Amino acid sequence: MRTGNLECARNSYEEALTIALTFGSVADQVTAQTNLAGLLLMSDDAHDLTSGLDMYQECLFTFRRLGDRRNEANALIGIGIGHHRLGRYPEAAGHHTRALELARDIGAAHEEAHALHRLGVAEAALGNLGEAAGHLEMSLALADRTQEREQQARSLDALAGVRLQEGRRETAQELWQYAFGIFQELDTSEAARIGRKLASLTETEPHSKRRHRST
């Protein structure tokens, strides 16, 4: 998200949190906190990232107190993302594992697919490509089964990155093409990001393969 858009959204979310803290229920308050925490984790500023992480930790305690296990899993995922953004990959993997266990325990398919995706991303950052691919393939299979199109695309994107790290360029390209198609279908800005990855992959392709394709 661009800096200007991030600041505009942040102001709106902070205002919503202030209103919730003044007039809302505990559920309203923690929802507003979760929204703001997620936004802060989109920032590149270390202070914002730390604030978002701390806010997700507060939300986790609140969801536990409310007995809201589904959102407890979501908060664990948020904490994991915060650690990942700060370069703390083992901590990220640990929180995503806990979220995955909880999601499976309560039968929350959406959270399970998301936790598998984020765990795969964390394992890839740790250099555990085999484990990363396994988690991402499970996330993709679950998202396919539940027809969660955005999660399908995000899992495809992450799996393509793993395949590229493994040296499997053609497989990575195919996966990114699938992700690109879904993001275009959903009409999101993510399509442009995936398009840039595909363009970069083509630009760095060995000349011999490009000549072979053009003949």
Protein backbone atom coordinates (compact mmCIF):
# COMPACT_ATOMS: atom_id res chain seq x y z
CA MET A 1 0.00 0.00 0.00
CA ARG A 2 1.32 3.45 -0.88
CA THR A 3 2.35 5.72 2.01
CA GLY A 4 -0.44 8.25 1.40
CA ASN A 5 -3.12 5.56 1.24
CA LEU A 6 -1.69 3.89 4.34
CA GLU A 7 -1.84 7.12 6.33
CA CYS A 8 -5.40 7.82 5.21
CA ALA A 9 -6.54 4.33 6.17
CA ARG A 10 -4.62 4.55 9.44
CA ASN A 11 -6.40 7.77 10.40
CA SER A 12 -9.77 6.16 9.69
CA TYR A 13 -8.92 3.02 11.68
CA GLU A 14 -7.58 5.02 14.61
CA GLU A 15 -10.78 7.07 14.64
CA ALA A 16 -12.86 3.89 14.56
CA LEU A 17 -10.84 2.50 17.48
CA THR A 18 -11.35 5.69 19.51
CA ILE A 19 -15.12 5.49 18.94
CA ALA A 20 -15.17 1.78 19.85
CA LEU A 21 -13.19 2.39 23.04
CA THR A 22 -15.59 5.18 24.03
CA PHE A 23 -18.94 3.76 23.06
CA GLY A 24 -18.50 0.17 21.89
CA SER A 25 -18.57 -3.26 23.45
CA VAL A 26 -15.45 -5.33 24.10
CA ALA A 27 -16.13 -7.14 20.82
CA ASP A 28 -16.34 -3.81 18.96
CA GLN A 29 -13.09 -2.68 20.56
CA VAL A 30 -11.11 -5.80 19.72
CA THR A 31 -12.42 -5.78 16.15
CA ALA A 32 -11.20 -2.20 15.72
CA GLN A 33 -7.87 -3.11 17.30
CA THR A 34 -7.47 -6.08 14.95
CA ASN A 35 -8.18 -3.92 11.90
CA LEU A 36 -5.63 -1.32 12.96
CA ALA A 37 -3.03 -3.97 13.86
CA GLY A 38 -3.34 -5.57 10.45
CA LEU A 39 -2.90 -2.21 8.77
CA LEU A 40 0.20 -1.37 10.82
CA LEU A 41 1.81 -4.62 9.70
CA MET A 42 1.60 -3.37 6.11
CA SER A 43 3.98 -0.53 6.96
CA ASP A 44 7.72 -0.60 6.34
CA ASP A 45 8.40 1.39 9.51
CA ALA A 46 9.86 -0.68 12.35
CA HIS A 47 7.92 1.31 14.97
CA ASP A 48 4.63 0.66 13.17
CA LEU A 49 5.46 -3.03 12.85
CA THR A 50 6.23 -3.30 16.56
CA SER A 51 3.04 -1.41 17.44
CA GLY A 52 0.99 -3.72 15.22
CA LEU A 53 2.60 -6.77 16.79
CA ASP A 54 1.90 -5.50 20.31
CA MET A 55 -1.69 -4.71 19.38
CA TYR A 56 -2.23 -8.21 18.00
CA GLN A 57 -0.86 -9.59 21.27
CA GLU A 58 -3.47 -7.57 23.19
CA CYS A 59 -6.16 -8.86 20.83
CA LEU A 60 -5.01 -12.43 21.46
CA PHE A 61 -5.51 -12.04 25.21
CA THR A 62 -8.94 -10.51 24.64
CA PHE A 63 -10.10 -13.26 22.29
CA ARG A 64 -8.96 -15.85 24.82
CA ARG A 65 -10.90 -14.09 27.55
CA LEU A 66 -13.98 -14.03 25.31
CA GLY A 67 -13.56 -17.68 24.38
CA ASP A 68 -13.43 -16.74 20.69
CA ARG A 69 -11.13 -19.49 19.43
CA ARG A 70 -11.51 -18.71 15.73
CA ASN A 71 -10.29 -15.15 16.21
CA GLU A 72 -7.67 -16.41 18.65
CA ALA A 73 -6.26 -18.35 15.69
CA ASN A 74 -6.44 -15.23 13.53
CA ALA A 75 -4.58 -13.22 16.18
CA LEU A 76 -1.87 -15.88 16.35
CA ILE A 77 -1.49 -15.60 12.57
CA GLY A 78 -1.28 -11.82 12.89
CA ILE A 79 1.43 -12.11 15.54
CA GLY A 80 3.30 -14.52 13.28
CA ILE A 81 3.11 -12.08 10.39
CA GLY A 82 4.43 -9.33 12.66
CA HIS A 83 7.42 -11.43 13.65
CA HIS A 84 8.03 -12.33 10.00
CA ARG A 85 7.96 -8.68 8.92
CA LEU A 86 10.56 -7.97 11.62
CA GLY A 87 12.77 -10.80 10.38
CA ARG A 88 12.06 -13.14 13.29
CA TYR A 89 11.30 -16.22 11.22
CA PRO A 90 11.49 -18.92 13.93
CA GLU A 91 9.04 -16.94 16.09
CA ALA A 92 6.78 -16.50 13.07
CA ALA A 93 6.80 -20.24 12.35
CA GLY A 94 6.02 -21.00 15.99
CA HIS A 95 2.94 -18.77 16.08
CA HIS A 96 1.66 -20.05 12.75
CA THR A 97 2.05 -23.61 14.00
CA ARG A 98 -0.02 -22.78 17.08
CA ALA A 99 -2.64 -21.12 14.89
CA LEU A 100 -2.73 -24.18 12.64
CA GLU A 101 -3.22 -26.54 15.56
CA LEU A 102 -6.03 -24.40 16.94
CA ALA A 103 -7.74 -24.02 13.55
CA ARG A 104 -7.69 -27.78 13.04
CA ASP A 105 -8.98 -28.38 16.55
CA ILE A 106 -12.08 -26.22 15.95
CA GLY A 107 -12.56 -27.15 12.29
CA ALA A 108 -11.95 -23.64 10.96
CA ALA A 109 -11.01 -24.26 7.32
CA HIS A 110 -10.36 -20.61 6.41
CA GLU A 111 -7.95 -20.13 9.30
CA GLU A 112 -6.32 -23.51 8.64
CA ALA A 113 -5.59 -22.59 5.02
CA HIS A 114 -4.26 -19.18 6.06
CA ALA A 115 -2.06 -20.65 8.81
CA LEU A 116 -0.65 -23.27 6.41
CA HIS A 117 0.12 -20.54 3.89
CA ARG A 118 1.91 -18.33 6.42
CA LEU A 119 3.76 -21.30 7.93
CA GLY A 120 4.96 -22.20 4.43
CA VAL A 121 6.20 -18.65 3.91
CA ALA A 122 8.05 -18.73 7.25
CA GLU A 123 9.65 -22.10 6.52
CA ALA A 124 10.79 -20.82 3.12
CA ALA A 125 12.42 -17.83 4.81
CA LEU A 126 14.23 -20.29 7.10
CA GLY A 127 15.49 -22.21 4.06
CA ASN A 128 13.32 -25.26 4.71
CA LEU A 129 12.01 -25.47 1.15
CA GLY A 130 10.64 -29.02 1.34
CA GLU A 131 8.57 -28.25 4.44
CA ALA A 132 7.51 -24.92 2.96
CA ALA A 133 6.25 -26.56 -0.22
CA GLY A 134 4.35 -29.18 1.75
CA HIS A 135 2.51 -26.58 3.84
CA LEU A 136 1.73 -24.44 0.80
CA GLU A 137 0.42 -27.40 -1.18
CA MET A 138 -1.89 -28.29 1.74
CA SER A 139 -3.03 -24.67 1.96
CA LEU A 140 -3.76 -24.63 -1.76
CA ALA A 141 -5.65 -27.92 -1.64
CA LEU A 142 -7.80 -26.67 1.24
CA ALA A 143 -8.46 -23.33 -0.46
CA ASP A 144 -9.41 -25.20 -3.66
CA ARG A 145 -11.83 -27.37 -1.71
CA THR A 146 -13.49 -24.41 0.03
CA GLN A 147 -13.35 -22.21 -3.09
CA GLU A 148 -11.52 -19.38 -1.35
CA ARG A 149 -10.16 -17.73 -4.46
CA GLU A 150 -7.93 -15.12 -2.83
CA GLN A 151 -6.30 -17.72 -0.61
CA GLN A 152 -5.78 -19.94 -3.66
CA ALA A 153 -3.92 -17.13 -5.40
CA ARG A 154 -1.81 -16.26 -2.36
CA SER A 155 -0.81 -19.89 -1.85
CA LEU A 156 0.02 -20.24 -5.55
CA ASP A 157 2.16 -17.10 -5.35
CA ALA A 158 4.11 -18.35 -2.33
CA LEU A 159 4.51 -21.84 -3.79
CA ALA A 160 5.83 -20.35 -7.03
CA GLY A 161 8.49 -18.52 -5.01
CA VAL A 162 9.55 -21.78 -3.40
CA ARG A 163 9.72 -23.57 -6.74
CA LEU A 164 11.89 -20.77 -8.12
CA GLN A 165 14.25 -21.11 -5.15
CA GLU A 166 14.46 -24.82 -5.97
CA GLY A 167 15.49 -23.93 -9.52
CA ARG A 168 12.18 -25.04 -11.07
CA ARG A 169 11.59 -21.94 -13.21
CA GLU A 170 8.95 -23.38 -15.52
CA THR A 171 6.87 -24.65 -12.62
CA ALA A 172 7.19 -21.29 -10.88
CA GLN A 173 6.08 -19.50 -14.03
CA GLU A 174 3.05 -21.76 -14.40
CA LEU A 175 2.02 -21.24 -10.78
CA TRP A 176 2.39 -17.47 -11.07
CA GLN A 177 0.29 -17.50 -14.23
CA TYR A 178 -2.50 -19.27 -12.34
CA ALA A 179 -2.20 -16.77 -9.47
CA PHE A 180 -2.21 -13.87 -11.93
CA GLY A 181 -5.43 -15.13 -13.50
CA ILE A 182 -7.20 -15.42 -10.15
CA PHE A 183 -6.08 -11.97 -8.98
CA GLN A 184 -7.27 -10.52 -12.31
CA GLU A 185 -10.60 -12.27 -11.83
CA LEU A 186 -10.86 -10.74 -8.34
CA ASP A 187 -9.83 -7.35 -9.75
CA THR A 188 -7.18 -6.66 -7.12
CA SER A 189 -3.90 -4.75 -7.30
CA GLU A 190 -2.10 -8.02 -6.56
CA ALA A 191 -2.46 -8.91 -10.25
CA ALA A 192 0.01 -6.14 -11.13
CA ARG A 193 2.50 -7.43 -8.57
CA ILE A 194 2.33 -10.96 -9.97
CA GLY A 195 2.57 -9.55 -13.49
CA ARG A 196 5.86 -7.92 -12.55
CA LYS A 197 7.17 -11.23 -11.23
CA LEU A 198 6.27 -12.95 -14.50
CA ALA A 199 7.91 -10.19 -16.51
CA SER A 200 11.05 -10.41 -14.39
CA LEU A 201 11.13 -14.18 -14.82
CA THR A 202 10.93 -13.80 -18.60
CA GLU A 203 13.66 -11.14 -18.63
CA THR A 204 16.07 -13.39 -16.72
CA GLU A 205 15.25 -16.52 -18.71
CA PRO A 206 18.25 -18.11 -20.45
CA HIS A 207 18.53 -16.92 -24.07
CA SER A 208 18.61 -20.49 -25.39
CA LYS A 209 15.14 -21.21 -23.97
CA ARG A 210 13.75 -17.98 -25.36
CA ARG A 211 15.09 -18.80 -28.82
CA HIS A 212 13.61 -22.29 -28.61
CA ARG A 213 10.17 -20.93 -27.72
CA SER A 214 10.20 -18.39 -30.54
CA THR A 215 10.98 -20.97 -33.27
